[in-house]
Amino acid sequence: MTAVVANFINILATVLFFAIFIRALMSWFVPQDSTGISRVLSDITEPIVGPIRRVLPSVGGIDFSPWVAMILIQVVSHVAISFLTSSSA
């Protein structure tokens, strides 16, 4: 059972990571598109990136909150998976 939960956490973290990454890339090329894939990515990632953006100031007009969110997603998922796999042993 813990392997299923660990796999789910891994998949969820990967999907969120790439959603944030693609949204950040799209913001450079299509900054104000509020339709289609851009809107879906925004709906998925804003609950994660938004709070970080409110705390982390932009530096020189560059928003680092997506990158911080991606790092946090990786760290939290690795810690959760490590905890799950070590507790099941």
C-alpha atoms as a PDB file:
ATOM      1  CA  MET A   1       0.000   0.000   0.000  1.00  0.00           C
ATOM      2  CA  THR A   2       2.813   2.434   0.789  1.00  0.00           C
ATOM      3  CA  ALA A   3       4.309   1.793  -2.644  1.00  0.00           C
ATOM      4  CA  VAL A   4       1.047   2.925  -4.233  1.00  0.00           C
ATOM      5  CA  VAL A   5       0.982   6.105  -2.149  1.00  0.00           C
ATOM      6  CA  ALA A   6       4.652   6.787  -2.862  1.00  0.00           C
ATOM      7  CA  ASN A   7       4.051   6.284  -6.576  1.00  0.00           C
ATOM      8  CA  PHE A   8       1.058   8.644  -6.452  1.00  0.00           C
ATOM      9  CA  ILE A   9       3.127  11.316  -4.686  1.00  0.00           C
ATOM     10  CA  ASN A  10       5.876  10.905  -7.275  1.00  0.00           C
ATOM     11  CA  ILE A  11       3.444  11.249 -10.193  1.00  0.00           C
ATOM     12  CA  LEU A  12       1.678  14.234  -8.613  1.00  0.00           C
ATOM     13  CA  ALA A  13       4.990  15.992  -7.941  1.00  0.00           C
ATOM     14  CA  THR A  14       6.165  15.360 -11.508  1.00  0.00           C
ATOM     15  CA  VAL A  15       2.927  16.690 -13.026  1.00  0.00           C
ATOM     16  CA  LEU A  16       3.017  19.798 -10.829  1.00  0.00           C
ATOM     17  CA  PHE A  17       6.698  20.364 -11.566  1.00  0.00           C
ATOM     18  CA  PHE A  18       6.174  20.270 -15.326  1.00  0.00           C
ATOM     19  CA  ALA A  19       2.963  22.314 -15.140  1.00  0.00           C
ATOM     20  CA  ILE A  20       4.828  25.093 -13.321  1.00  0.00           C
ATOM     21  CA  PHE A  21       7.785  24.806 -15.682  1.00  0.00           C
ATOM     22  CA  ILE A  22       5.609  25.042 -18.796  1.00  0.00           C
ATOM     23  CA  ARG A  23       3.640  27.944 -17.312  1.00  0.00           C
ATOM     24  CA  ALA A  24       6.860  29.812 -16.585  1.00  0.00           C
ATOM     25  CA  LEU A  25       8.118  29.236 -20.125  1.00  0.00           C
ATOM     26  CA  MET A  26       4.805  30.286 -21.632  1.00  0.00           C
ATOM     27  CA  SER A  27       4.858  33.508 -19.609  1.00  0.00           C
ATOM     28  CA  TRP A  28       7.926  34.592 -21.581  1.00  0.00           C
ATOM     29  CA  PHE A  29       6.281  34.007 -24.952  1.00  0.00           C
ATOM     30  CA  VAL A  30       2.531  34.482 -24.358  1.00  0.00           C
ATOM     31  CA  PRO A  31       2.335  36.613 -21.203  1.00  0.00           C
ATOM     32  CA  GLN A  32      -1.388  37.571 -21.211  1.00  0.00           C
ATOM     33  CA  ASP A  33      -3.080  34.565 -22.808  1.00  0.00           C
ATOM     34  CA  SER A  34      -6.063  33.635 -20.632  1.00  0.00           C
ATOM     35  CA  THR A  35      -7.506  30.907 -22.829  1.00  0.00           C
ATOM     36  CA  GLY A  36      -6.792  27.253 -23.482  1.00  0.00           C
ATOM     37  CA  ILE A  37      -3.762  25.561 -22.022  1.00  0.00           C
ATOM     38  CA  SER A  38      -2.516  28.746 -20.363  1.00  0.00           C
ATOM     39  CA  ARG A  39      -5.701  29.011 -18.308  1.00  0.00           C
ATOM     40  CA  VAL A  40      -5.580  25.330 -17.320  1.00  0.00           C
ATOM     41  CA  LEU A  41      -1.943  25.637 -16.239  1.00  0.00           C
ATOM     42  CA  SER A  42      -2.767  28.767 -14.269  1.00  0.00           C
ATOM     43  CA  ASP A  43      -5.674  27.052 -12.499  1.00  0.00           C
ATOM     44  CA  ILE A  44      -3.467  24.082 -11.586  1.00  0.00           C
ATOM     45  CA  THR A  45      -0.370  25.981 -10.462  1.00  0.00           C
ATOM     46  CA  GLU A  46      -1.670  29.202  -8.915  1.00  0.00           C
ATOM     47  CA  PRO A  47      -2.585  27.595  -5.546  1.00  0.00           C
ATOM     48  CA  ILE A  48       1.085  26.633  -5.223  1.00  0.00           C
ATOM     49  CA  VAL A  49       2.852  29.581  -6.857  1.00  0.00           C
ATOM     50  CA  GLY A  50       0.515  32.318  -5.585  1.00  0.00           C
ATOM     51  CA  PRO A  51       1.412  32.140  -1.873  1.00  0.00           C
ATOM     52  CA  ILE A  52       5.115  31.990  -2.707  1.00  0.00           C
ATOM     53  CA  ARG A  53       4.734  35.011  -4.998  1.00  0.00           C
ATOM     54  CA  ARG A  54       3.112  36.997  -2.165  1.00  0.00           C
ATOM     55  CA  VAL A  55       6.062  36.274   0.146  1.00  0.00           C
ATOM     56  CA  LEU A  56       8.956  36.361  -2.328  1.00  0.00           C
ATOM     57  CA  PRO A  57       9.565  39.762  -3.927  1.00  0.00           C
ATOM     58  CA  SER A  58      10.451  39.938  -7.599  1.00  0.00           C
ATOM     59  CA  VAL A  59      14.041  40.925  -8.289  1.00  0.00           C
ATOM     60  CA  GLY A  60      14.603  43.246 -11.222  1.00  0.00           C
ATOM     61  CA  GLY A  61      11.164  42.426 -12.605  1.00  0.00           C
ATOM     62  CA  ILE A  62      11.880  38.675 -12.577  1.00  0.00           C
ATOM     63  CA  ASP A  63       9.463  36.447 -10.684  1.00  0.00           C
ATOM     64  CA  PHE A  64      11.377  33.629  -9.017  1.00  0.00           C
ATOM     65  CA  SER A  65       8.318  32.079  -7.353  1.00  0.00           C
ATOM     66  CA  PRO A  66       7.860  29.347 -10.009  1.00  0.00           C
ATOM     67  CA  TRP A  67      11.439  28.190  -9.515  1.00  0.00           C
ATOM     68  CA  VAL A  68      11.085  28.213  -5.733  1.00  0.00           C
ATOM     69  CA  ALA A  69       7.840  26.255  -6.062  1.00  0.00           C
ATOM     70  CA  MET A  70       9.499  23.657  -8.281  1.00  0.00           C
ATOM     71  CA  ILE A  71      12.341  23.208  -5.787  1.00  0.00           C
ATOM     72  CA  LEU A  72       9.886  22.924  -2.880  1.00  0.00           C
ATOM     73  CA  ILE A  73       7.784  20.356  -4.742  1.00  0.00           C
ATOM     74  CA  GLN A  74      10.861  18.213  -5.332  1.00  0.00           C
ATOM     75  CA  VAL A  75      12.072  18.488  -1.732  1.00  0.00           C
ATOM     76  CA  VAL A  76       8.664  17.794  -0.178  1.00  0.00           C
ATOM     77  CA  SER A  77       7.969  14.844  -2.471  1.00  0.00           C
ATOM     78  CA  HIS A  78      11.380  13.286  -1.806  1.00  0.00           C
ATOM     79  CA  VAL A  79      10.962  13.709   1.957  1.00  0.00           C
ATOM     80  CA  ALA A  80       7.432  12.254   1.863  1.00  0.00           C
ATOM     81  CA  ILE A  81       8.494   9.288  -0.254  1.00  0.00           C
ATOM     82  CA  SER A  82      11.533   8.661   1.960  1.00  0.00           C
ATOM     83  CA  PHE A  83       9.321   8.774   5.041  1.00  0.00           C
ATOM     84  CA  LEU A  84       6.814   6.365   3.504  1.00  0.00           C
ATOM     85  CA  THR A  85       9.409   3.876   2.315  1.00  0.00           C
ATOM     86  CA  SER A  86      11.396   3.961   5.584  1.00  0.00           C
ATOM     87  CA  SER A  87       8.301   3.523   7.742  1.00  0.00           C
ATOM     88  CA  SER A  88       7.155   0.495   5.762  1.00  0.00           C
ATOM     89  CA  ALA A  89      10.458  -1.352   6.165  1.00  0.00           C
END
